[in-house]
PDB file of N, CA and C in Angstrom:
ATOM      1  N   MET A   1     -26.738  30.279  -7.984  1.00  0.00           N
ATOM      2  CA  MET A   1     -27.362  30.100  -6.682  1.00  0.00           C
ATOM      3  C   MET A   1     -26.319  30.405  -5.596  1.00  0.00           C
ATOM      4  N   ALA A   2     -26.712  31.129  -4.594  1.00  0.00           N
ATOM      5  CA  ALA A   2     -25.806  31.490  -3.508  1.00  0.00           C
ATOM      6  C   ALA A   2     -25.514  30.271  -2.637  1.00  0.00           C
ATOM      7  N   GLU A   3     -24.362  30.285  -1.990  1.00  0.00           N
ATOM      8  CA  GLU A   3     -23.945  29.161  -1.128  1.00  0.00           C
ATOM      9  C   GLU A   3     -24.980  28.878  -0.040  1.00  0.00           C
ATOM     10  N   GLU A   4     -25.552  29.914   0.529  1.00  0.00           N
ATOM     11  CA  GLU A   4     -26.542  29.754   1.598  1.00  0.00           C
ATOM     12  C   GLU A   4     -27.792  29.046   1.084  1.00  0.00           C
ATOM     13  N   GLU A   5     -28.223  29.372  -0.133  1.00  0.00           N
ATOM     14  CA  GLU A   5     -29.398  28.724  -0.710  1.00  0.00           C
ATOM     15  C   GLU A   5     -29.134  27.248  -0.964  1.00  0.00           C
ATOM     16  N   LYS A   6     -27.922  26.892  -1.397  1.00  0.00           N
ATOM     17  CA  LYS A   6     -27.573  25.495  -1.632  1.00  0.00           C
ATOM     18  C   LYS A   6     -27.681  24.692  -0.350  1.00  0.00           C
ATOM     19  N   LYS A   7     -27.228  25.251   0.765  1.00  0.00           N
ATOM     20  CA  LYS A   7     -27.293  24.550   2.048  1.00  0.00           C
ATOM     21  C   LYS A   7     -28.733  24.297   2.463  1.00  0.00           C
ATOM     22  N   GLN A   8     -29.642  25.226   2.179  1.00  0.00           N
ATOM     23  CA  GLN A   8     -31.041  25.046   2.552  1.00  0.00           C
ATOM     24  C   GLN A   8     -31.698  23.970   1.702  1.00  0.00           C
ATOM     25  N   ASP A   9     -31.309  23.837   0.429  1.00  0.00           N
ATOM     26  CA  ASP A   9     -31.876  22.824  -0.462  1.00  0.00           C
ATOM     27  C   ASP A   9     -31.368  21.437  -0.136  1.00  0.00           C
ATOM     28  N   ASN A  10     -30.157  21.319   0.379  1.00  0.00           N
ATOM     29  CA  ASN A  10     -29.531  20.031   0.646  1.00  0.00           C
ATOM     30  C   ASN A  10     -29.898  19.558   2.053  1.00  0.00           C
ATOM     31  N   PRO A  11     -30.529  18.368   2.167  1.00  0.00           N
ATOM     32  CA  PRO A  11     -30.908  17.865   3.491  1.00  0.00           C
ATOM     33  C   PRO A  11     -29.714  17.381   4.316  1.00  0.00           C
ATOM     34  N   ILE A  12     -28.551  17.282   3.703  1.00  0.00           N
ATOM     35  CA  ILE A  12     -27.366  16.760   4.379  1.00  0.00           C
ATOM     36  C   ILE A  12     -26.529  17.911   4.915  1.00  0.00           C
ATOM     37  N   GLN A  13     -26.281  17.908   6.223  1.00  0.00           N
ATOM     38  CA  GLN A  13     -25.549  18.992   6.868  1.00  0.00           C
ATOM     39  C   GLN A  13     -24.222  18.508   7.444  1.00  0.00           C
ATOM     40  N   VAL A  14     -23.578  17.540   6.801  1.00  0.00           N
ATOM     41  CA  VAL A  14     -22.277  17.045   7.243  1.00  0.00           C
ATOM     42  C   VAL A  14     -21.257  17.294   6.138  1.00  0.00           C
ATOM     43  N   GLU A  15     -19.990  17.192   6.505  1.00  0.00           N
ATOM     44  CA  GLU A  15     -18.908  17.385   5.551  1.00  0.00           C
ATOM     45  C   GLU A  15     -17.959  16.196   5.632  1.00  0.00           C
ATOM     46  N   ALA A  16     -17.119  16.046   4.633  1.00  0.00           N
ATOM     47  CA  ALA A  16     -16.120  14.977   4.627  1.00  0.00           C
ATOM     48  C   ALA A  16     -15.264  15.080   5.884  1.00  0.00           C
ATOM     49  N   GLY A  17     -15.032  13.949   6.531  1.00  0.00           N
ATOM     50  CA  GLY A  17     -14.247  13.912   7.758  1.00  0.00           C
ATOM     51  C   GLY A  17     -15.089  13.893   9.022  1.00  0.00           C
ATOM     52  N   ASP A  18     -16.374  14.252   8.925  1.00  0.00           N
ATOM     53  CA  ASP A  18     -17.270  14.229  10.089  1.00  0.00           C
ATOM     54  C   ASP A  18     -17.594  12.790  10.484  1.00  0.00           C
ATOM     55  N   GLN A  19     -17.895  12.575  11.756  1.00  0.00           N
ATOM     56  CA  GLN A  19     -18.322  11.275  12.269  1.00  0.00           C
ATOM     57  C   GLN A  19     -19.845  11.255  12.340  1.00  0.00           C
ATOM     58  N   VAL A  20     -20.468  10.149  11.924  1.00  0.00           N
ATOM     59  CA  VAL A  20     -21.917   9.985  11.996  1.00  0.00           C
ATOM     60  C   VAL A  20     -22.247   8.636  12.612  1.00  0.00           C
ATOM     61  N   ASN A  21     -23.463   8.517  13.128  1.00  0.00           N
ATOM     62  CA  ASN A  21     -23.984   7.253  13.642  1.00  0.00           C
ATOM     63  C   ASN A  21     -25.029   6.737  12.662  1.00  0.00           C
ATOM     64  N   VAL A  22     -24.931   5.466  12.294  1.00  0.00           N
ATOM     65  CA  VAL A  22     -25.885   4.857  11.379  1.00  0.00           C
ATOM     66  C   VAL A  22     -27.129   4.492  12.175  1.00  0.00           C
ATOM     67  N   THR A  23     -28.313   4.963  11.720  1.00  0.00           N
ATOM     68  CA  THR A  23     -29.552   4.760  12.472  1.00  0.00           C
ATOM     69  C   THR A  23     -30.506   3.759  11.822  1.00  0.00           C
ATOM     70  N   LYS A  24     -30.241   3.373  10.564  1.00  0.00           N
ATOM     71  CA  LYS A  24     -31.111   2.424   9.863  1.00  0.00           C
ATOM     72  C   LYS A  24     -30.268   1.528   8.970  1.00  0.00           C
ATOM     73  N   GLY A  25     -30.831   0.407   8.587  1.00  0.00           N
ATOM     74  CA  GLY A  25     -30.192  -0.461   7.609  1.00  0.00           C
ATOM     75  C   GLY A  25     -29.286  -1.520   8.203  1.00  0.00           C
ATOM     76  N   GLU A  26     -28.524  -2.147   7.334  1.00  0.00           N
ATOM     77  CA  GLU A  26     -27.655  -3.266   7.690  1.00  0.00           C
ATOM     78  C   GLU A  26     -26.617  -2.909   8.755  1.00  0.00           C
ATOM     79  N   PHE A  27     -26.137  -1.678   8.744  1.00  0.00           N
ATOM     80  CA  PHE A  27     -25.072  -1.263   9.657  1.00  0.00           C
ATOM     81  C   PHE A  27     -25.587  -0.421  10.828  1.00  0.00           C
ATOM     82  N   LYS A  28     -26.872  -0.544  11.158  1.00  0.00           N
ATOM     83  CA  LYS A  28     -27.477   0.216  12.252  1.00  0.00           C
ATOM     84  C   LYS A  28     -26.661   0.044  13.527  1.00  0.00           C
ATOM     85  N   GLY A  29     -26.379   1.173  14.194  1.00  0.00           N
ATOM     86  CA  GLY A  29     -25.615   1.151  15.431  1.00  0.00           C
ATOM     87  C   GLY A  29     -24.124   1.361  15.227  1.00  0.00           C
ATOM     88  N   SER A  30     -23.660   1.335  13.989  1.00  0.00           N
ATOM     89  CA  SER A  30     -22.238   1.536  13.698  1.00  0.00           C
ATOM     90  C   SER A  30     -21.903   3.021  13.648  1.00  0.00           C
ATOM     91  N   LYS A  31     -20.642   3.300  13.866  1.00  0.00           N
ATOM     92  CA  LYS A  31     -20.136   4.658  13.680  1.00  0.00           C
ATOM     93  C   LYS A  31     -19.372   4.676  12.366  1.00  0.00           C
ATOM     94  N   ALA A  32     -19.389   5.830  11.698  1.00  0.00           N
ATOM     95  CA  ALA A  32     -18.734   5.920  10.395  1.00  0.00           C
ATOM     96  C   ALA A  32     -18.158   7.318  10.181  1.00  0.00           C
ATOM     97  N   GLU A  33     -17.133   7.386   9.345  1.00  0.00           N
ATOM     98  CA  GLU A  33     -16.532   8.665   8.964  1.00  0.00           C
ATOM     99  C   GLU A  33     -16.973   8.992   7.537  1.00  0.00           C
ATOM    100  N   VAL A  34     -17.423  10.220   7.326  1.00  0.00           N
ATOM    101  CA  VAL A  34     -17.892  10.650   6.010  1.00  0.00           C
ATOM    102  C   VAL A  34     -16.709  10.789   5.060  1.00  0.00           C
ATOM    103  N   ILE A  35     -16.826  10.163   3.890  1.00  0.00           N
ATOM    104  CA  ILE A  35     -15.803  10.254   2.851  1.00  0.00           C
ATOM    105  C   ILE A  35     -16.202  11.305   1.814  1.00  0.00           C
ATOM    106  N   ALA A  36     -17.478  11.260   1.387  1.00  0.00           N
ATOM    107  CA  ALA A  36     -17.966  12.187   0.367  1.00  0.00           C
ATOM    108  C   ALA A  36     -19.438  12.478   0.615  1.00  0.00           C
ATOM    109  N   VAL A  37     -19.865  13.688   0.233  1.00  0.00           N
ATOM    110  CA  VAL A  37     -21.256  14.108   0.391  1.00  0.00           C
ATOM    111  C   VAL A  37     -21.867  14.285  -0.992  1.00  0.00           C
ATOM    112  N   TYR A  38     -23.037  13.694  -1.196  1.00  0.00           N
ATOM    113  CA  TYR A  38     -23.774  13.804  -2.451  1.00  0.00           C
ATOM    114  C   TYR A  38     -25.090  14.523  -2.188  1.00  0.00           C
ATOM    115  N   THR A  39     -25.969  14.612  -3.180  1.00  0.00           N
ATOM    116  CA  THR A  39     -27.220  15.354  -3.047  1.00  0.00           C
ATOM    117  C   THR A  39     -28.101  14.817  -1.926  1.00  0.00           C
ATOM    118  N   ASN A  40     -28.390  13.524  -1.923  1.00  0.00           N
ATOM    119  CA  ASN A  40     -29.270  12.928  -0.903  1.00  0.00           C
ATOM    120  C   ASN A  40     -28.621  11.783  -0.151  1.00  0.00           C
ATOM    121  N   SER A  41     -27.301  11.664  -0.244  1.00  0.00           N
ATOM    122  CA  SER A  41     -26.620  10.548   0.408  1.00  0.00           C
ATOM    123  C   SER A  41     -25.173  10.920   0.718  1.00  0.00           C
ATOM    124  N   ILE A  42     -24.516  10.037   1.469  1.00  0.00           N
ATOM    125  CA  ILE A  42     -23.099  10.222   1.781  1.00  0.00           C
ATOM    126  C   ILE A  42     -22.378   8.889   1.627  1.00  0.00           C
ATOM    127  N   ALA A  43     -21.121   8.941   1.274  1.00  0.00           N
ATOM    128  CA  ALA A  43     -20.266   7.754   1.268  1.00  0.00           C
ATOM    129  C   ALA A  43     -19.512   7.761   2.582  1.00  0.00           C
ATOM    130  N   VAL A  44     -19.452   6.602   3.250  1.00  0.00           N
ATOM    131  CA  VAL A  44     -18.811   6.519   4.559  1.00  0.00           C
ATOM    132  C   VAL A  44     -17.881   5.330   4.664  1.00  0.00           C
ATOM    133  N   GLU A  45     -16.946   5.431   5.593  1.00  0.00           N
ATOM    134  CA  GLU A  45     -16.074   4.323   5.964  1.00  0.00           C
ATOM    135  C   GLU A  45     -16.493   3.936   7.380  1.00  0.00           C
ATOM    136  N   LEU A  46     -16.945   2.700   7.534  1.00  0.00           N
ATOM    137  CA  LEU A  46     -17.478   2.222   8.811  1.00  0.00           C
ATOM    138  C   LEU A  46     -16.368   1.802   9.765  1.00  0.00           C
ATOM    139  N   ASP A  47     -16.726   1.645  11.037  1.00  0.00           N
ATOM    140  CA  ASP A  47     -15.766   1.180  12.034  1.00  0.00           C
ATOM    141  C   ASP A  47     -15.672  -0.349  12.047  1.00  0.00           C
ATOM    142  N   LYS A  48     -16.295  -1.006  11.095  1.00  0.00           N
ATOM    143  CA  LYS A  48     -16.332  -2.472  10.999  1.00  0.00           C
ATOM    144  C   LYS A  48     -15.290  -2.940   9.974  1.00  0.00           C
ATOM    145  N   LYS A  49     -14.456  -3.907  10.369  1.00  0.00           N
ATOM    146  CA  LYS A  49     -13.425  -4.423   9.456  1.00  0.00           C
ATOM    147  C   LYS A  49     -13.950  -5.602   8.646  1.00  0.00           C
ATOM    148  N   LEU A  50     -13.461  -5.687   7.418  1.00  0.00           N
ATOM    149  CA  LEU A  50     -13.776  -6.807   6.535  1.00  0.00           C
ATOM    150  C   LEU A  50     -12.778  -7.934   6.764  1.00  0.00           C
ATOM    151  N   GLU A  51     -12.988  -9.078   6.120  1.00  0.00           N
ATOM    152  CA  GLU A  51     -12.100 -10.233   6.282  1.00  0.00           C
ATOM    153  C   GLU A  51     -10.660  -9.926   5.907  1.00  0.00           C
ATOM    154  N   ASP A  52     -10.464  -9.037   4.918  1.00  0.00           N
ATOM    155  CA  ASP A  52      -9.103  -8.706   4.475  1.00  0.00           C
ATOM    156  C   ASP A  52      -8.431  -7.655   5.356  1.00  0.00           C
ATOM    157  N   GLY A  53      -9.131  -7.187   6.386  1.00  0.00           N
ATOM    158  CA  GLY A  53      -8.564  -6.222   7.322  1.00  0.00           C
ATOM    159  C   GLY A  53      -8.857  -4.772   6.999  1.00  0.00           C
ATOM    160  N   SER A  54      -9.432  -4.498   5.831  1.00  0.00           N
ATOM    161  CA  SER A  54      -9.770  -3.118   5.478  1.00  0.00           C
ATOM    162  C   SER A  54     -11.103  -2.736   6.119  1.00  0.00           C
ATOM    163  N   LEU A  55     -11.348  -1.444   6.233  1.00  0.00           N
ATOM    164  CA  LEU A  55     -12.605  -0.970   6.794  1.00  0.00           C
ATOM    165  C   LEU A  55     -13.701  -1.007   5.734  1.00  0.00           C
ATOM    166  N   ALA A  56     -14.907  -1.395   6.148  1.00  0.00           N
ATOM    167  CA  ALA A  56     -16.043  -1.465   5.233  1.00  0.00           C
ATOM    168  C   ALA A  56     -16.453  -0.059   4.813  1.00  0.00           C
ATOM    169  N   ARG A  57     -16.916   0.076   3.571  1.00  0.00           N
ATOM    170  CA  ARG A  57     -17.417   1.344   3.047  1.00  0.00           C
ATOM    171  C   ARG A  57     -18.793   1.116   2.457  1.00  0.00           C
ATOM    172  N   THR A  58     -19.640   2.134   2.546  1.00  0.00           N
ATOM    173  CA  THR A  58     -20.975   2.047   1.971  1.00  0.00           C
ATOM    174  C   THR A  58     -21.504   3.451   1.716  1.00  0.00           C
ATOM    175  N   VAL A  59     -22.661   3.519   1.079  1.00  0.00           N
ATOM    176  CA  VAL A  59     -23.347   4.787   0.832  1.00  0.00           C
ATOM    177  C   VAL A  59     -24.620   4.776   1.665  1.00  0.00           C
ATOM    178  N   LEU A  60     -24.877   5.864   2.376  1.00  0.00           N
ATOM    179  CA  LEU A  60     -26.070   5.982   3.225  1.00  0.00           C
ATOM    180  C   LEU A  60     -26.980   7.084   2.706  1.00  0.00           C
ATOM    181  N   HIS A  61     -28.267   6.800   2.655  1.00  0.00           N
ATOM    182  CA  HIS A  61     -29.277   7.814   2.307  1.00  0.00           C
ATOM    183  C   HIS A  61     -29.364   8.808   3.469  1.00  0.00           C
ATOM    184  N   HIS A  62     -29.809  10.019   3.202  1.00  0.00           N
ATOM    185  CA  HIS A  62     -29.824  11.048   4.244  1.00  0.00           C
ATOM    186  C   HIS A  62     -30.728  10.727   5.426  1.00  0.00           C
ATOM    187  N   THR A  63     -31.598   9.722   5.305  1.00  0.00           N
ATOM    188  CA  THR A  63     -32.461   9.333   6.433  1.00  0.00           C
ATOM    189  C   THR A  63     -31.849   8.227   7.276  1.00  0.00           C
ATOM    190  N   GLU A  64     -30.671   7.727   6.903  1.00  0.00           N
ATOM    191  CA  GLU A  64     -30.076   6.570   7.576  1.00  0.00           C
ATOM    192  C   GLU A  64     -28.965   6.904   8.559  1.00  0.00           C
ATOM    193  N   PHE A  65     -28.745   8.176   8.851  1.00  0.00           N
ATOM    194  CA  PHE A  65     -27.682   8.535   9.778  1.00  0.00           C
ATOM    195  C   PHE A  65     -28.023   9.817  10.527  1.00  0.00           C
ATOM    196  N   LYS A  66     -27.308  10.019  11.643  1.00  0.00           N
ATOM    197  CA  LYS A  66     -27.407  11.261  12.427  1.00  0.00           C
ATOM    198  C   LYS A  66     -26.014  11.723  12.742  1.00  0.00           C
TER     199      LYS A  66
END
Protein backbone atom coordinates (compact mmCIF):
# COMPACT_ATOMS: atom_id res chain seq x y z
CA MET A 1 0.00 0.00 0.00
CA ALA A 2 1.35 3.44 -0.90
CA GLU A 3 2.09 5.96 1.86
CA GLU A 4 -0.65 8.28 0.58
CA GLU A 5 -3.27 5.52 0.76
CA LYS A 6 -2.28 4.74 4.37
CA LYS A 7 -2.86 8.37 5.36
CA GLN A 8 -6.36 8.31 3.84
CA ASP A 9 -7.28 5.11 5.74
CA ASN A 10 -6.01 6.43 9.07
CA PRO A 11 -8.36 8.93 10.78
CA ILE A 12 -5.45 10.30 12.83
CA GLN A 13 -3.52 13.14 11.20
CA VAL A 14 -1.01 13.92 13.98
CA GLU A 15 2.55 12.78 14.59
CA ALA A 16 4.68 12.19 17.68
CA GLY A 17 5.66 15.52 19.23
CA ASP A 18 2.50 17.37 18.09
CA GLN A 19 0.34 19.22 20.63
CA VAL A 20 -3.38 18.34 20.87
CA ASN A 21 -6.35 19.52 22.92
CA VAL A 22 -8.45 16.88 24.68
CA THR A 23 -12.13 17.39 23.75
CA LYS A 24 -13.83 14.47 25.56
CA GLY A 25 -13.39 12.25 28.58
CA GLU A 26 -11.77 12.59 31.98
CA PHE A 27 -9.09 15.02 30.78
CA LYS A 28 -11.38 17.28 28.70
CA GLY A 29 -9.87 20.75 28.32
CA SER A 30 -6.28 19.58 28.89
CA LYS A 31 -3.43 20.03 26.48
CA ALA A 32 -1.22 17.06 25.66
CA GLU A 33 1.85 16.11 23.63
CA VAL A 34 1.58 13.08 21.34
CA ILE A 35 3.96 10.27 22.30
CA ALA A 36 2.84 7.57 19.84
CA VAL A 37 0.25 7.18 17.07
CA TYR A 38 -1.76 3.97 16.66
CA THR A 39 -4.51 2.93 14.21
CA ASN A 40 -7.46 4.61 15.97
CA SER A 41 -5.82 6.20 18.99
CA ILE A 42 -2.79 8.09 20.29
CA ALA A 43 -0.70 7.90 23.45
CA VAL A 44 -0.19 11.32 25.05
CA GLU A 45 1.57 13.02 27.92
CA LEU A 46 -0.79 15.52 29.55
CA ASP A 47 0.02 18.91 31.04
CA LYS A 48 -1.35 17.64 34.39
CA LYS A 49 1.11 16.47 37.07
CA LEU A 50 0.59 13.42 39.25
CA GLU A 51 1.28 13.27 43.01
CA ASP A 52 4.83 12.02 42.38
CA GLY A 53 5.57 15.03 40.15
CA SER A 54 5.58 13.17 36.83
CA LEU A 55 3.27 14.13 33.98
CA ALA A 56 0.13 12.04 33.49
CA ARG A 57 -0.05 9.80 30.41
CA THR A 58 -3.06 8.22 28.74
CA VAL A 59 -4.37 6.86 25.44
CA LEU A 60 -7.01 8.86 23.54
CA HIS A 61 -9.39 7.54 20.88
CA HIS A 62 -9.33 9.52 17.63
CA THR A 63 -12.66 11.20 18.54
CA GLU A 64 -11.34 12.56 21.86
CA PHE A 65 -8.88 15.20 20.65
CA LYS A 66 -8.30 17.98 18.11
